[in-house]
Amino acid sequence: MADQKERLKVTIARFETRQELNRLNAVRAEVGVQLDDSQVAVCNEMANRIERMLDVQVKEQEKLIQFGYAAPGPKTEQAKPTAEVVEAAERALVGTATAKK
């Protein structure tokens, strides 16, 4: 069952890819644009370099923290339940409305 589900996901992804390619080809034909493969290769190389630079920066920051040369970033707060946030917003709105009267 899980294998069939995975095959369906792959099939759907393949259909979506084909649909996007068809849309792209329609736009190319409509505008008369020829995409240069060398430009695509340059863009891919730039994206790869950016990815590597970001990876290096993350590792560098981890090492600085590990060896005590930088402080760890602020801890993030846990998200409050939706009901609690809605209740607080309603209280704030009621308080604002009564203050205006």
PDB file of N, CA and C in Angstrom:
ATOM      1  N   MET A   1       0.829  -1.186   0.000  1.00  0.00           N
ATOM      2  CA  MET A   1       0.000   0.000   0.000  1.00  0.00           C
ATOM      3  C   MET A   1       0.876   1.253   0.000  1.00  0.00           C
ATOM      4  N   ALA A   2       1.890   1.286   0.867  1.00  0.00           N
ATOM      5  CA  ALA A   2       2.778   2.436   0.931  1.00  0.00           C
ATOM      6  C   ALA A   2       3.558   2.587  -0.369  1.00  0.00           C
ATOM      7  N   ASP A   3       3.934   1.447  -0.979  1.00  0.00           N
ATOM      8  CA  ASP A   3       4.661   1.480  -2.243  1.00  0.00           C
ATOM      9  C   ASP A   3       3.791   2.076  -3.345  1.00  0.00           C
ATOM     10  N   GLN A   4       2.526   1.693  -3.364  1.00  0.00           N
ATOM     11  CA  GLN A   4       1.602   2.240  -4.366  1.00  0.00           C
ATOM     12  C   GLN A   4       1.411   3.733  -4.153  1.00  0.00           C
ATOM     13  N   LYS A   5       1.323   4.139  -2.909  1.00  0.00           N
ATOM     14  CA  LYS A   5       1.156   5.558  -2.591  1.00  0.00           C
ATOM     15  C   LYS A   5       2.377   6.339  -3.075  1.00  0.00           C
ATOM     16  N   GLU A   6       3.557   5.787  -2.850  1.00  0.00           N
ATOM     17  CA  GLU A   6       4.785   6.449  -3.281  1.00  0.00           C
ATOM     18  C   GLU A   6       4.843   6.540  -4.807  1.00  0.00           C
ATOM     19  N   ARG A   7       4.441   5.459  -5.492  1.00  0.00           N
ATOM     20  CA  ARG A   7       4.418   5.490  -6.956  1.00  0.00           C
ATOM     21  C   ARG A   7       3.452   6.541  -7.470  1.00  0.00           C
ATOM     22  N   LEU A   8       2.302   6.693  -6.808  1.00  0.00           N
ATOM     23  CA  LEU A   8       1.346   7.722  -7.205  1.00  0.00           C
ATOM     24  C   LEU A   8       1.928   9.122  -7.003  1.00  0.00           C
ATOM     25  N   LYS A   9       2.656   9.316  -5.910  1.00  0.00           N
ATOM     26  CA  LYS A   9       3.287  10.611  -5.670  1.00  0.00           C
ATOM     27  C   LYS A   9       4.289  10.930  -6.774  1.00  0.00           C
ATOM     28  N   VAL A  10       5.077   9.932  -7.155  1.00  0.00           N
ATOM     29  CA  VAL A  10       6.069  10.124  -8.218  1.00  0.00           C
ATOM     30  C   VAL A  10       5.369  10.436  -9.534  1.00  0.00           C
ATOM     31  N   THR A  11       4.294   9.732  -9.818  1.00  0.00           N
ATOM     32  CA  THR A  11       3.539   9.971 -11.046  1.00  0.00           C
ATOM     33  C   THR A  11       2.974  11.383 -11.063  1.00  0.00           C
ATOM     34  N   ILE A  12       2.424  11.811  -9.944  1.00  0.00           N
ATOM     35  CA  ILE A  12       1.869  13.170  -9.859  1.00  0.00           C
ATOM     36  C   ILE A  12       2.974  14.199 -10.063  1.00  0.00           C
ATOM     37  N   ALA A  13       4.125  13.975  -9.453  1.00  0.00           N
ATOM     38  CA  ALA A  13       5.248  14.903  -9.615  1.00  0.00           C
ATOM     39  C   ALA A  13       5.683  14.963 -11.073  1.00  0.00           C
ATOM     40  N   ARG A  14       5.700  13.812 -11.741  1.00  0.00           N
ATOM     41  CA  ARG A  14       6.072  13.769 -13.153  1.00  0.00           C
ATOM     42  C   ARG A  14       5.057  14.538 -14.000  1.00  0.00           C
ATOM     43  N   PHE A  15       3.764  14.384 -13.692  1.00  0.00           N
ATOM     44  CA  PHE A  15       2.721  15.123 -14.414  1.00  0.00           C
ATOM     45  C   PHE A  15       2.865  16.626 -14.192  1.00  0.00           C
ATOM     46  N   GLU A  16       3.139  17.012 -12.958  1.00  0.00           N
ATOM     47  CA  GLU A  16       3.309  18.439 -12.666  1.00  0.00           C
ATOM     48  C   GLU A  16       4.502  19.011 -13.423  1.00  0.00           C
ATOM     49  N   THR A  17       5.569  18.234 -13.515  1.00  0.00           N
ATOM     50  CA  THR A  17       6.755  18.675 -14.248  1.00  0.00           C
ATOM     51  C   THR A  17       6.435  18.841 -15.722  1.00  0.00           C
ATOM     52  N   ARG A  18       5.732  17.883 -16.280  1.00  0.00           N
ATOM     53  CA  ARG A  18       5.355  17.974 -17.690  1.00  0.00           C
ATOM     54  C   ARG A  18       4.456  19.171 -17.938  1.00  0.00           C
ATOM     55  N   GLN A  19       3.545  19.428 -17.007  1.00  0.00           N
ATOM     56  CA  GLN A  19       2.649  20.569 -17.147  1.00  0.00           C
ATOM     57  C   GLN A  19       3.446  21.875 -17.139  1.00  0.00           C
ATOM     58  N   GLU A  20       4.412  21.994 -16.240  1.00  0.00           N
ATOM     59  CA  GLU A  20       5.235  23.198 -16.181  1.00  0.00           C
ATOM     60  C   GLU A  20       6.059  23.353 -17.457  1.00  0.00           C
ATOM     61  N   LEU A  21       6.592  22.244 -17.975  1.00  0.00           N
ATOM     62  CA  LEU A  21       7.349  22.306 -19.224  1.00  0.00           C
ATOM     63  C   LEU A  21       6.459  22.759 -20.371  1.00  0.00           C
ATOM     64  N   ASN A  22       5.238  22.274 -20.409  1.00  0.00           N
ATOM     65  CA  ASN A  22       4.306  22.700 -21.452  1.00  0.00           C
ATOM     66  C   ASN A  22       4.013  24.192 -21.336  1.00  0.00           C
ATOM     67  N   ARG A  23       3.823  24.667 -20.113  1.00  0.00           N
ATOM     68  CA  ARG A  23       3.583  26.103 -19.922  1.00  0.00           C
ATOM     69  C   ARG A  23       4.793  26.916 -20.375  1.00  0.00           C
ATOM     70  N   LEU A  24       5.985  26.465 -20.006  1.00  0.00           N
ATOM     71  CA  LEU A  24       7.207  27.156 -20.395  1.00  0.00           C
ATOM     72  C   LEU A  24       7.355  27.183 -21.909  1.00  0.00           C
ATOM     73  N   ASN A  25       7.098  26.060 -22.548  1.00  0.00           N
ATOM     74  CA  ASN A  25       7.191  26.009 -24.009  1.00  0.00           C
ATOM     75  C   ASN A  25       6.171  26.934 -24.665  1.00  0.00           C
ATOM     76  N   ALA A  26       4.980  27.025 -24.075  1.00  0.00           N
ATOM     77  CA  ALA A  26       3.959  27.927 -24.614  1.00  0.00           C
ATOM     78  C   ALA A  26       4.412  29.378 -24.491  1.00  0.00           C
ATOM     79  N   VAL A  27       5.023  29.717 -23.370  1.00  0.00           N
ATOM     80  CA  VAL A  27       5.517  31.086 -23.186  1.00  0.00           C
ATOM     81  C   VAL A  27       6.654  31.365 -24.151  1.00  0.00           C
ATOM     82  N   ARG A  28       7.553  30.411 -24.323  1.00  0.00           N
ATOM     83  CA  ARG A  28       8.662  30.584 -25.270  1.00  0.00           C
ATOM     84  C   ARG A  28       8.124  30.825 -26.677  1.00  0.00           C
ATOM     85  N   ALA A  29       7.155  30.022 -27.074  1.00  0.00           N
ATOM     86  CA  ALA A  29       6.598  30.156 -28.417  1.00  0.00           C
ATOM     87  C   ALA A  29       5.878  31.494 -28.568  1.00  0.00           C
ATOM     88  N   GLU A  30       5.182  31.896 -27.525  1.00  0.00           N
ATOM     89  CA  GLU A  30       4.420  33.146 -27.564  1.00  0.00           C
ATOM     90  C   GLU A  30       5.345  34.352 -27.661  1.00  0.00           C
ATOM     91  N   VAL A  31       6.414  34.337 -26.895  1.00  0.00           N
ATOM     92  CA  VAL A  31       7.327  35.473 -26.841  1.00  0.00           C
ATOM     93  C   VAL A  31       8.429  35.341 -27.883  1.00  0.00           C
ATOM     94  N   GLY A  32       8.696  34.144 -28.320  1.00  0.00           N
ATOM     95  CA  GLY A  32       9.767  33.919 -29.273  1.00  0.00           C
ATOM     96  C   GLY A  32      11.140  33.951 -28.622  1.00  0.00           C
ATOM     97  N   VAL A  33      11.215  33.519 -27.394  1.00  0.00           N
ATOM     98  CA  VAL A  33      12.470  33.542 -26.651  1.00  0.00           C
ATOM     99  C   VAL A  33      13.154  32.191 -26.772  1.00  0.00           C
ATOM    100  N   GLN A  34      14.435  32.250 -27.046  1.00  0.00           N
ATOM    101  CA  GLN A  34      15.240  31.036 -27.048  1.00  0.00           C
ATOM    102  C   GLN A  34      16.151  31.101 -25.825  1.00  0.00           C
ATOM    103  N   LEU A  35      15.992  30.166 -24.906  1.00  0.00           N
ATOM    104  CA  LEU A  35      16.857  30.150 -23.740  1.00  0.00           C
ATOM    105  C   LEU A  35      18.189  29.524 -24.106  1.00  0.00           C
ATOM    106  N   ASP A  36      19.246  30.169 -23.681  1.00  0.00           N
ATOM    107  CA  ASP A  36      20.592  29.708 -23.952  1.00  0.00           C
ATOM    108  C   ASP A  36      21.014  28.755 -22.841  1.00  0.00           C
ATOM    109  N   ASP A  37      21.411  27.543 -23.213  1.00  0.00           N
ATOM    110  CA  ASP A  37      21.815  26.550 -22.217  1.00  0.00           C
ATOM    111  C   ASP A  37      23.037  27.000 -21.427  1.00  0.00           C
ATOM    112  N   SER A  38      23.903  27.802 -22.039  1.00  0.00           N
ATOM    113  CA  SER A  38      25.084  28.259 -21.321  1.00  0.00           C
ATOM    114  C   SER A  38      24.679  29.189 -20.183  1.00  0.00           C
ATOM    115  N   GLN A  39      23.658  30.007 -20.394  1.00  0.00           N
ATOM    116  CA  GLN A  39      23.173  30.886 -19.338  1.00  0.00           C
ATOM    117  C   GLN A  39      22.568  30.065 -18.207  1.00  0.00           C
ATOM    118  N   VAL A  40      21.857  29.010 -18.544  1.00  0.00           N
ATOM    119  CA  VAL A  40      21.286  28.131 -17.522  1.00  0.00           C
ATOM    120  C   VAL A  40      22.405  27.488 -16.722  1.00  0.00           C
ATOM    121  N   ALA A  41      23.454  27.065 -17.399  1.00  0.00           N
ATOM    122  CA  ALA A  41      24.590  26.449 -16.713  1.00  0.00           C
ATOM    123  C   ALA A  41      25.265  27.461 -15.782  1.00  0.00           C
ATOM    124  N   VAL A  42      25.396  28.699 -16.222  1.00  0.00           N
ATOM    125  CA  VAL A  42      25.986  29.742 -15.384  1.00  0.00           C
ATOM    126  C   VAL A  42      25.128  29.965 -14.147  1.00  0.00           C
ATOM    127  N   CYS A  43      23.816  30.022 -14.317  1.00  0.00           N
ATOM    128  CA  CYS A  43      22.905  30.216 -13.185  1.00  0.00           C
ATOM    129  C   CYS A  43      22.989  29.053 -12.203  1.00  0.00           C
ATOM    130  N   ASN A  44      23.055  27.837 -12.722  1.00  0.00           N
ATOM    131  CA  ASN A  44      23.182  26.668 -11.855  1.00  0.00           C
ATOM    132  C   ASN A  44      24.488  26.703 -11.073  1.00  0.00           C
ATOM    133  N   GLU A  45      25.571  27.096 -11.730  1.00  0.00           N
ATOM    134  CA  GLU A  45      26.856  27.178 -11.046  1.00  0.00           C
ATOM    135  C   GLU A  45      26.819  28.250  -9.961  1.00  0.00           C
ATOM    136  N   MET A  46      26.196  29.374 -10.253  1.00  0.00           N
ATOM    137  CA  MET A  46      26.077  30.436  -9.249  1.00  0.00           C
ATOM    138  C   MET A  46      25.256  29.952  -8.054  1.00  0.00           C
ATOM    139  N   ALA A  47      24.175  29.247  -8.312  1.00  0.00           N
ATOM    140  CA  ALA A  47      23.346  28.722  -7.230  1.00  0.00           C
ATOM    141  C   ALA A  47      24.138  27.736  -6.379  1.00  0.00           C
ATOM    142  N   ASN A  48      24.938  26.897  -7.021  1.00  0.00           N
ATOM    143  CA  ASN A  48      25.767  25.940  -6.284  1.00  0.00           C
ATOM    144  C   ASN A  48      26.804  26.652  -5.420  1.00  0.00           C
ATOM    145  N   ARG A  49      27.426  27.710  -5.972  1.00  0.00           N
ATOM    146  CA  ARG A  49      28.413  28.455  -5.189  1.00  0.00           C
ATOM    147  C   ARG A  49      27.767  29.122  -3.983  1.00  0.00           C
ATOM    148  N   ILE A  50      26.588  29.694  -4.180  1.00  0.00           N
ATOM    149  CA  ILE A  50      25.880  30.333  -3.065  1.00  0.00           C
ATOM    150  C   ILE A  50      25.553  29.298  -1.998  1.00  0.00           C
ATOM    151  N   GLU A  51      25.085  28.135  -2.426  1.00  0.00           N
ATOM    152  CA  GLU A  51      24.764  27.055  -1.487  1.00  0.00           C
ATOM    153  C   GLU A  51      25.995  26.658  -0.672  1.00  0.00           C
ATOM    154  N   ARG A  52      27.146  26.511  -1.351  1.00  0.00           N
ATOM    155  CA  ARG A  52      28.376  26.153  -0.650  1.00  0.00           C
ATOM    156  C   ARG A  52      28.796  27.254   0.323  1.00  0.00           C
ATOM    157  N   MET A  53      28.681  28.511  -0.090  1.00  0.00           N
ATOM    158  CA  MET A  53      29.048  29.623   0.788  1.00  0.00           C
ATOM    159  C   MET A  53      28.174  29.637   2.037  1.00  0.00           C
ATOM    160  N   LEU A  54      26.877  29.394   1.863  1.00  0.00           N
ATOM    161  CA  LEU A  54      25.980  29.354   3.016  1.00  0.00           C
ATOM    162  C   LEU A  54      26.323  28.200   3.938  1.00  0.00           C
ATOM    163  N   ASP A  55      26.653  27.047   3.365  1.00  0.00           N
ATOM    164  CA  ASP A  55      27.050  25.898   4.179  1.00  0.00           C
ATOM    165  C   ASP A  55      28.308  26.217   4.995  1.00  0.00           C
ATOM    166  N   VAL A  56      29.277  26.875   4.363  1.00  0.00           N
ATOM    167  CA  VAL A  56      30.513  27.237   5.048  1.00  0.00           C
ATOM    168  C   VAL A  56      30.215  28.208   6.188  1.00  0.00           C
ATOM    169  N   GLN A  57      29.338  29.179   5.945  1.00  0.00           N
ATOM    170  CA  GLN A  57      29.005  30.147   6.985  1.00  0.00           C
ATOM    171  C   GLN A  57      28.321  29.475   8.172  1.00  0.00           C
ATOM    172  N   VAL A  58      27.434  28.534   7.902  1.00  0.00           N
ATOM    173  CA  VAL A  58      26.760  27.824   8.991  1.00  0.00           C
ATOM    174  C   VAL A  58      27.774  27.028   9.802  1.00  0.00           C
ATOM    175  N   LYS A  59      28.648  26.307   9.136  1.00  0.00           N
ATOM    176  CA  LYS A  59      29.670  25.520   9.841  1.00  0.00           C
ATOM    177  C   LYS A  59      30.610  26.428  10.639  1.00  0.00           C
ATOM    178  N   GLU A  60      30.973  27.556  10.034  1.00  0.00           N
ATOM    179  CA  GLU A  60      31.860  28.492  10.721  1.00  0.00           C
ATOM    180  C   GLU A  60      31.203  29.011  12.002  1.00  0.00           C
ATOM    181  N   GLN A  61      29.946  29.371  11.920  1.00  0.00           N
ATOM    182  CA  GLN A  61      29.235  29.864  13.097  1.00  0.00           C
ATOM    183  C   GLN A  61      29.131  28.780  14.162  1.00  0.00           C
ATOM    184  N   GLU A  62      28.856  27.548  13.740  1.00  0.00           N
ATOM    185  CA  GLU A  62      28.787  26.433  14.694  1.00  0.00           C
ATOM    186  C   GLU A  62      30.120  26.252  15.421  1.00  0.00           C
ATOM    187  N   LYS A  63      31.224  26.341  14.680  1.00  0.00           N
ATOM    188  CA  LYS A  63      32.546  26.171  15.291  1.00  0.00           C
ATOM    189  C   LYS A  63      32.877  27.335  16.226  1.00  0.00           C
ATOM    190  N   LEU A  64      32.511  28.559  15.843  1.00  0.00           N
ATOM    191  CA  LEU A  64      32.755  29.703  16.713  1.00  0.00           C
ATOM    192  C   LEU A  64      32.014  29.534  18.036  1.00  0.00           C
ATOM    193  N   ILE A  65      30.786  29.066  17.957  1.00  0.00           N
ATOM    194  CA  ILE A  65      30.008  28.832  19.177  1.00  0.00           C
ATOM    195  C   ILE A  65      30.620  27.685  19.975  1.00  0.00           C
ATOM    196  N   GLN A  66      30.992  26.614  19.281  1.00  0.00           N
ATOM    197  CA  GLN A  66      31.549  25.435  19.935  1.00  0.00           C
ATOM    198  C   GLN A  66      32.807  25.783  20.728  1.00  0.00           C
ATOM    199  N   PHE A  67      33.674  26.625  20.176  1.00  0.00           N
ATOM    200  CA  PHE A  67      34.931  26.931  20.837  1.00  0.00           C
ATOM    201  C   PHE A  67      34.889  28.232  21.641  1.00  0.00           C
ATOM    202  N   GLY A  68      33.698  28.792  21.826  1.00  0.00           N
ATOM    203  CA  GLY A  68      33.531  29.922  22.726  1.00  0.00           C
ATOM    204  C   GLY A  68      33.881  31.280  22.151  1.00  0.00           C
ATOM    205  N   TYR A  69      33.978  31.414  20.847  1.00  0.00           N
ATOM    206  CA  TYR A  69      34.292  32.705  20.249  1.00  0.00           C
ATOM    207  C   TYR A  69      33.042  33.493  19.869  1.00  0.00           C
ATOM    208  N   ALA A  70      31.898  32.901  20.015  1.00  0.00           N
ATOM    209  CA  ALA A  70      30.635  33.582  19.724  1.00  0.00           C
ATOM    210  C   ALA A  70      29.574  33.023  20.653  1.00  0.00           C
ATOM    211  N   ALA A  71      28.608  33.866  20.935  1.00  0.00           N
ATOM    212  CA  ALA A  71      27.503  33.430  21.798  1.00  0.00           C
ATOM    213  C   ALA A  71      26.442  32.757  20.938  1.00  0.00           C
ATOM    214  N   PRO A  72      25.793  31.749  21.466  1.00  0.00           N
ATOM    215  CA  PRO A  72      24.712  31.128  20.703  1.00  0.00           C
ATOM    216  C   PRO A  72      23.599  32.138  20.479  1.00  0.00           C
ATOM    217  N   GLY A  73      22.845  31.936  19.434  1.00  0.00           N
ATOM    218  CA  GLY A  73      21.742  32.829  19.101  1.00  0.00           C
ATOM    219  C   GLY A  73      20.649  32.777  20.147  1.00  0.00           C
ATOM    220  N   PRO A  74      19.724  33.724  20.074  1.00  0.00           N
ATOM    221  CA  PRO A  74      18.641  33.732  21.058  1.00  0.00           C
ATOM    222  C   PRO A  74      17.773  32.489  20.917  1.00  0.00           C
ATOM    223  N   LYS A  75      17.291  32.034  22.050  1.00  0.00           N
ATOM    224  CA  LYS A  75      16.419  30.861  22.028  1.00  0.00           C
ATOM    225  C   LYS A  75      15.039  31.309  21.572  1.00  0.00           C
ATOM    226  N   THR A  76      14.443  30.510  20.748  1.00  0.00           N
ATOM    227  CA  THR A  76      13.113  30.844  20.256  1.00  0.00           C
ATOM    228  C   THR A  76      12.073  30.359  21.244  1.00  0.00           C
ATOM    229  N   GLU A  77      11.026  31.134  21.358  1.00  0.00           N
ATOM    230  CA  GLU A  77       9.943  30.753  22.255  1.00  0.00           C
ATOM    231  C   GLU A  77       9.079  29.692  21.587  1.00  0.00           C
ATOM    232  N   GLN A  78       8.488  28.868  22.423  1.00  0.00           N
ATOM    233  CA  GLN A  78       7.562  27.878  21.896  1.00  0.00           C
ATOM    234  C   GLN A  78       6.297  28.591  21.454  1.00  0.00           C
ATOM    235  N   ALA A  79       5.718  28.154  20.364  1.00  0.00           N
ATOM    236  CA  ALA A  79       4.487  28.757  19.860  1.00  0.00           C
ATOM    237  C   ALA A  79       3.355  28.476  20.838  1.00  0.00           C
ATOM    238  N   LYS A  80       2.554  29.493  21.055  1.00  0.00           N
ATOM    239  CA  LYS A  80       1.413  29.337  21.952  1.00  0.00           C
ATOM    240  C   LYS A  80       0.266  28.703  21.180  1.00  0.00           C
ATOM    241  N   PRO A  81      -0.610  28.012  21.885  1.00  0.00           N
ATOM    242  CA  PRO A  81      -1.756  27.418  21.202  1.00  0.00           C
ATOM    243  C   PRO A  81      -2.629  28.505  20.572  1.00  0.00           C
ATOM    244  N   THR A  82      -3.240  28.180  19.462  1.00  0.00           N
ATOM    245  CA  THR A  82      -4.068  29.129  18.723  1.00  0.00           C
ATOM    246  C   THR A  82      -5.172  29.699  19.594  1.00  0.00           C
ATOM    247  N   ALA A  83      -5.811  28.851  20.371  1.00  0.00           N
ATOM    248  CA  ALA A  83      -6.914  29.319  21.215  1.00  0.00           C
ATOM    249  C   ALA A  83      -6.430  30.386  22.189  1.00  0.00           C
ATOM    250  N   GLU A  84      -5.238  30.205  22.733  1.00  0.00           N
ATOM    251  CA  GLU A  84      -4.690  31.176  23.685  1.00  0.00           C
ATOM    252  C   GLU A  84      -4.410  32.507  22.998  1.00  0.00           C
ATOM    253  N   VAL A  85      -3.889  32.474  21.782  1.00  0.00           N
ATOM    254  CA  VAL A  85      -3.592  33.693  21.039  1.00  0.00           C
ATOM    255  C   VAL A  85      -4.879  34.425  20.681  1.00  0.00           C
ATOM    256  N   VAL A  86      -5.900  33.678  20.232  1.00  0.00           N
ATOM    257  CA  VAL A  86      -7.184  34.284  19.877  1.00  0.00           C
ATOM    258  C   VAL A  86      -7.814  34.923  21.104  1.00  0.00           C
ATOM    259  N   GLU A  87      -7.761  34.235  22.229  1.00  0.00           N
ATOM    260  CA  GLU A  87      -8.331  34.765  23.467  1.00  0.00           C
ATOM    261  C   GLU A  87      -7.623  36.056  23.877  1.00  0.00           C
ATOM    262  N   ALA A  88      -6.322  36.101  23.781  1.00  0.00           N
ATOM    263  CA  ALA A  88      -5.566  37.306  24.136  1.00  0.00           C
ATOM    264  C   ALA A  88      -5.909  38.455  23.188  1.00  0.00           C
ATOM    265  N   ALA A  89      -6.069  38.155  21.906  1.00  0.00           N
ATOM    266  CA  ALA A  89      -6.430  39.188  20.937  1.00  0.00           C
ATOM    267  C   ALA A  89      -7.822  39.743  21.223  1.00  0.00           C
ATOM    268  N   GLU A  90      -8.757  38.855  21.556  1.00  0.00           N
ATOM    269  CA  GLU A  90     -10.119  39.302  21.874  1.00  0.00           C
ATOM    270  C   GLU A  90     -10.115  40.188  23.120  1.00  0.00           C
ATOM    271  N   ARG A  91      -9.331  39.807  24.138  1.00  0.00           N
ATOM    272  CA  ARG A  91      -9.241  40.632  25.343  1.00  0.00           C
ATOM    273  C   ARG A  91      -8.665  42.001  25.015  1.00  0.00           C
ATOM    274  N   ALA A  92      -7.666  42.024  24.152  1.00  0.00           N
ATOM    275  CA  ALA A  92      -7.051  43.294  23.769  1.00  0.00           C
ATOM    276  C   ALA A  92      -8.042  44.159  23.001  1.00  0.00           C
ATOM    277  N   LEU A  93      -8.811  43.557  22.113  1.00  0.00           N
ATOM    278  CA  LEU A  93      -9.797  44.313  21.347  1.00  0.00           C
ATOM    279  C   LEU A  93     -10.897  44.848  22.252  1.00  0.00           C
ATOM    280  N   VAL A  94     -11.346  44.044  23.188  1.00  0.00           N
ATOM    281  CA  VAL A  94     -12.383  44.485  24.120  1.00  0.00           C
ATOM    282  C   VAL A  94     -11.846  45.631  24.972  1.00  0.00           C
ATOM    283  N   GLY A  95     -10.601  45.529  25.427  1.00  0.00           N
ATOM    284  CA  GLY A  95      -9.983  46.578  26.223  1.00  0.00           C
ATOM    285  C   GLY A  95      -9.864  47.869  25.450  1.00  0.00           C
ATOM    286  N   THR A  96      -9.529  47.787  24.161  1.00  0.00           N
ATOM    287  CA  THR A  96      -9.397  48.963  23.312  1.00  0.00           C
ATOM    288  C   THR A  96     -10.754  49.605  23.077  1.00  0.00           C
ATOM    289  N   ALA A  97     -11.774  48.773  22.851  1.00  0.00           N
ATOM    290  CA  ALA A  97     -13.118  49.285  22.589  1.00  0.00           C
ATOM    291  C   ALA A  97     -13.690  49.998  23.817  1.00  0.00           C
ATOM    292  N   THR A  98     -13.477  49.457  25.001  1.00  0.00           N
ATOM    293  CA  THR A  98     -14.004  50.077  26.214  1.00  0.00           C
ATOM    294  C   THR A  98     -13.215  51.339  26.549  1.00  0.00           C
ATOM    295  N   ALA A  99     -11.959  51.411  26.211  1.00  0.00           N
ATOM    296  CA  ALA A  99     -11.146  52.594  26.491  1.00  0.00           C
ATOM    297  C   ALA A  99     -11.562  53.767  25.609  1.00  0.00           C
ATOM    298  N   LYS A 100     -12.046  53.487  24.402  1.00  0.00           N
ATOM    299  CA  LYS A 100     -12.463  54.543  23.477  1.00  0.00           C
ATOM    300  C   LYS A 100     -13.782  55.173  23.881  1.00  0.00           C
ATOM    301  N   LYS A 101     -14.611  54.475  24.634  1.00  0.00           N
ATOM    302  CA  LYS A 101     -15.947  54.970  24.999  1.00  0.00           C
ATOM    303  C   LYS A 101     -15.898  56.040  25.997  1.00  0.00           C
TER     304      LYS A 101
END
